[in-house]
Protein backbone atom coordinates (compact mmCIF):
# COMPACT_ATOMS: atom_id res chain seq x y z
CA UNK A 1 25.28 22.42 -83.96
CA UNK A 2 28.24 23.59 -81.88
CA UNK A 3 31.52 24.58 -83.20
CA UNK A 4 34.25 25.43 -80.64
CA UNK A 5 37.77 26.55 -81.78
CA UNK A 6 40.48 24.77 -79.77
CA UNK A 7 43.15 26.33 -81.41
CA UNK A 8 46.28 26.95 -81.33
CA UNK A 9 45.85 29.39 -84.13
CA UNK A 10 42.79 31.31 -85.67
CA UNK A 11 40.75 29.94 -88.67
CA UNK A 12 37.68 31.28 -90.41
CA UNK A 13 34.50 29.72 -90.80
CA UNK A 14 32.24 29.99 -93.61
CA UNK A 15 28.32 30.19 -93.46
CA UNK A 16 26.17 30.16 -96.32
CA UNK A 17 22.56 29.10 -96.71
CA UNK A 18 21.78 26.30 -99.06
CA UNK A 19 20.18 28.59 -101.70
CA UNK A 20 22.46 29.13 -104.61
CA UNK A 21 21.95 32.61 -105.04
CA UNK A 22 22.65 33.20 -101.13
CA UNK A 23 25.96 34.83 -100.55
CA UNK A 24 28.38 33.42 -97.77
CA UNK A 25 29.36 35.16 -94.44
CA UNK A 26 32.74 34.55 -93.01
CA UNK A 27 33.44 34.19 -88.93
CA UNK A 28 37.05 34.53 -87.57
CA UNK A 29 37.59 31.56 -85.10
CA UNK A 30 39.95 32.43 -82.54
CA UNK A 31 40.80 30.02 -79.95
CA UNK A 32 38.03 29.71 -77.34
CA UNK A 33 35.49 31.00 -79.47
CA UNK A 34 31.76 29.07 -79.75
CA UNK A 35 29.81 29.23 -82.66
CA UNK A 36 26.31 27.60 -82.64
CA UNK A 37 24.69 27.10 -86.18
CA UNK A 38 21.90 25.43 -87.72
CA UNK A 39 23.43 22.71 -89.84
CA UNK A 40 19.87 21.78 -91.41
CA UNK A 41 19.74 25.47 -92.88
CA UNK A 42 23.31 26.45 -93.49
CA UNK A 43 26.49 25.47 -95.24
CA UNK A 44 29.40 25.56 -93.20
CA UNK A 45 33.36 25.34 -93.80
CA UNK A 46 36.41 25.86 -91.88
CA UNK A 47 39.59 26.47 -92.94
CA UNK A 48 42.71 27.84 -91.50
CA UNK A 49 46.58 28.87 -92.95
CA UNK A 50 47.98 27.59 -89.71
CA UNK A 51 47.29 24.53 -87.23
CA UNK A 52 44.02 25.23 -86.06
CA UNK A 53 41.39 22.37 -84.45
CA UNK A 54 37.83 22.51 -83.89
CA UNK A 55 35.80 20.70 -81.66
CA UNK A 56 31.80 20.09 -83.16
CA UNK A 57 28.85 18.71 -81.60
CA UNK A 58 25.18 17.87 -83.28
CA UNK A 59 21.91 18.48 -81.24
CA UNK A 60 19.78 16.15 -82.54
CA UNK A 61 15.67 16.19 -82.22
CA UNK A 62 14.30 13.03 -81.90
CA UNK A 63 10.79 14.03 -82.40
CA UNK A 64 10.47 16.37 -85.28
CA UNK A 65 7.86 18.65 -85.72
CA UNK A 66 5.63 18.46 -88.60
CA UNK A 67 4.03 21.23 -90.37
CA UNK A 68 0.72 22.59 -88.96
CA UNK A 69 -1.19 23.25 -92.15
CA UNK A 70 -1.81 19.88 -94.13
CA UNK A 71 -0.85 21.34 -97.29
CA UNK A 72 2.66 22.05 -95.79
CA UNK A 73 2.52 18.57 -94.51
CA UNK A 74 1.85 17.19 -98.05
CA UNK A 75 4.62 18.81 -99.54
CA UNK A 76 7.11 17.63 -97.20
CA UNK A 77 5.90 14.29 -97.52
CA UNK A 78 6.43 14.95 -101.52
CA UNK A 79 9.73 16.29 -101.11
CA UNK A 80 11.06 13.48 -98.68
CA UNK A 81 9.91 10.68 -101.10
CA UNK A 82 11.41 12.45 -104.44
CA UNK A 83 14.90 12.65 -102.52
CA UNK A 84 14.19 8.93 -101.27
CA UNK A 85 13.52 7.92 -105.02
CA UNK A 86 16.52 9.84 -106.11
CA UNK A 87 18.75 8.31 -103.65
CA UNK A 88 17.95 4.78 -104.45
CA UNK A 89 18.11 5.37 -108.16
CA UNK A 90 21.37 4.03 -109.93
CA UNK A 91 23.95 6.51 -111.33
CA UNK A 92 22.36 5.97 -114.95
CA UNK A 93 18.95 6.86 -113.74
CA UNK A 94 20.01 10.01 -111.85
CA UNK A 95 21.49 11.69 -115.08
CA UNK A 96 17.87 11.48 -116.34
CA UNK A 97 16.01 12.87 -113.14
CA UNK A 98 15.86 16.73 -112.17
CA UNK A 99 16.87 17.45 -108.56
CA UNK A 100 18.09 20.74 -107.37
CA UNK A 101 21.59 20.67 -106.11
CA UNK A 102 20.71 21.66 -102.64
CA UNK A 103 18.08 18.80 -102.25
CA UNK A 104 21.38 16.41 -103.55
CA UNK A 105 23.41 17.55 -100.89
CA UNK A 106 20.86 17.38 -98.22
CA UNK A 107 19.80 13.65 -99.17
CA UNK A 108 23.47 12.93 -99.52
CA UNK A 109 24.25 14.07 -95.55
CA UNK A 110 20.99 12.38 -94.17
CA UNK A 111 20.98 8.96 -95.89
CA UNK A 112 23.92 6.40 -96.73
CA UNK A 113 23.20 3.48 -98.85
CA UNK A 114 26.87 2.09 -99.10
CA UNK A 115 28.83 0.90 -96.20
CA UNK A 116 30.09 2.92 -93.63
CA UNK A 117 33.87 3.17 -92.89
CA UNK A 118 35.35 4.74 -89.91
CA UNK A 119 38.62 6.67 -90.38
CA UNK A 120 41.06 6.70 -87.62
CA UNK A 121 44.07 8.99 -87.77
CA UNK A 122 47.28 9.74 -85.55
CA UNK A 123 49.68 12.64 -85.51
CA UNK A 124 53.14 11.83 -85.60
CA UNK A 125 56.41 13.55 -86.06
CA UNK A 126 58.78 12.17 -88.66
CA UNK A 127 61.79 13.51 -90.10
CA UNK A 128 61.55 15.09 -93.57
CA UNK A 129 63.01 17.92 -95.83
CA UNK A 130 62.28 20.53 -98.26
CA UNK A 131 64.75 19.22 -100.81
CA UNK A 132 64.47 16.08 -102.08
CA UNK A 133 68.00 16.00 -103.38
CA UNK A 134 69.73 16.70 -100.22
CA UNK A 135 67.63 14.01 -98.44
CA UNK A 136 68.79 11.82 -100.72
CA UNK A 137 72.56 12.42 -101.00
CA UNK A 138 72.62 12.67 -97.37
CA UNK A 139 72.02 8.66 -97.05
CA UNK A 140 75.10 8.05 -99.72
CA UNK A 141 77.79 8.73 -96.89
CA UNK A 142 76.22 6.02 -94.79
CA UNK A 143 75.00 8.13 -91.72
CA UNK A 144 74.02 6.40 -88.40
CA UNK A 145 71.03 7.82 -87.26
CA UNK A 146 70.49 5.64 -84.74
CA UNK A 147 70.48 6.90 -81.12
CA UNK A 148 70.93 4.97 -77.87
CA UNK A 149 67.72 3.92 -75.83
CA UNK A 150 67.54 5.59 -72.50
CA UNK A 151 68.56 3.25 -69.83
CA UNK A 152 65.37 3.45 -67.89
CA UNK A 153 63.91 1.72 -71.01
CA UNK A 154 66.82 -0.92 -71.67
CA UNK A 155 69.62 -2.27 -69.91
CA UNK A 156 72.56 -2.25 -72.43
CA UNK A 157 74.89 -3.94 -69.67
CA UNK A 158 73.03 -6.90 -69.67
CA UNK A 159 73.11 -7.71 -73.30
CA UNK A 160 76.24 -5.75 -74.43
CA UNK A 161 79.73 -6.51 -74.05
CA UNK A 162 82.75 -4.41 -76.13
CA UNK A 163 84.34 -7.26 -77.41
CA UNK A 164 84.51 -9.10 -80.30
CA UNK A 165 84.50 -12.53 -77.85
CA UNK A 166 81.06 -11.12 -76.58
CA UNK A 167 79.18 -14.12 -78.41
CA UNK A 168 81.09 -16.49 -76.01
CA UNK A 169 79.44 -14.92 -73.01
CA UNK A 170 75.72 -14.75 -74.63
CA UNK A 171 76.18 -11.27 -75.29
CA UNK A 172 76.70 -9.02 -78.39
CA UNK A 173 79.34 -6.47 -79.59
CA UNK A 174 76.60 -4.53 -81.47
CA UNK A 175 75.47 -1.14 -80.48
CA UNK A 176 72.54 -0.84 -82.59
CA UNK A 177 69.83 -3.70 -83.73
CA UNK A 178 66.13 -3.85 -84.49
CA UNK A 179 63.62 -6.13 -82.67
CA UNK A 180 60.35 -7.24 -83.18
CA UNK A 181 57.75 -6.70 -80.17
CA UNK A 182 56.59 -10.01 -78.79
CA UNK A 183 58.32 -13.27 -78.58
CA UNK A 184 56.17 -14.88 -81.35
CA UNK A 185 58.55 -12.70 -83.70
CA UNK A 186 61.73 -14.51 -82.57
CA UNK A 187 61.65 -17.48 -84.45
CA UNK A 188 63.96 -18.03 -86.94
CA UNK A 189 62.90 -21.16 -88.49
CA UNK A 190 64.03 -21.27 -92.34
CA UNK A 191 66.70 -18.96 -91.98
CA UNK A 192 70.61 -19.22 -92.12
CA UNK A 193 70.99 -18.29 -88.65
CA UNK A 194 72.84 -20.64 -86.56
CA UNK A 195 71.22 -22.19 -83.14
CA UNK A 196 73.60 -19.98 -80.95
CA UNK A 197 72.44 -17.03 -82.54
CA UNK A 198 68.83 -17.89 -82.97
CA UNK A 199 68.89 -18.46 -79.28
CA UNK A 200 70.37 -15.18 -78.28
CA UNK A 201 67.90 -13.33 -80.47
CA UNK A 202 65.33 -15.24 -79.00
CA UNK A 203 66.25 -14.14 -75.12
CA UNK A 204 66.74 -10.75 -76.48
CA UNK A 205 63.43 -10.15 -78.13
CA UNK A 206 61.64 -11.73 -75.04
CA UNK A 207 63.28 -9.58 -72.66
CA UNK A 208 62.78 -6.26 -74.73
């Protein structure tokens, strides 16, 4: 497999053979460095104190090469059958089965019996604080954290009028509001809103 450090900061790649007595080796991963590793022979782990990302690529050989000697082939088949029985056993049965730790890690990587689930993540910026008490007290005074939407996205003059009588012209005198995306969220059946307010809200949502 290939491990390519994208940065923006450096990290550390730890490599160690699967044997329990083997000592690990650490490789400094700077942005742009590419490391080629045998994933079947080395345990690898990347860590960074800052913000660092790595791009990995696995090279799979479809036609695996069997051992040349018949005895080696027989030992490989015996090991594969033993690991297969261990994987198919229940948790209670595994307690009484002797299996080397490196064999357990190998079979857990190669075979999956349970349902596979894809995990998707997204990076966002959210307001936060290191002092929860200051964060909570700041809301007691009722601050207005809303900001004005740029004119390129929302034409305020089409729906806002600085007058208490703005509702007579089909507009609103409120500068802030929360609108649902899509016209399906504009139905106000079962609510206490009057028909005029419901019609105005529907137009605002559909035009948003």
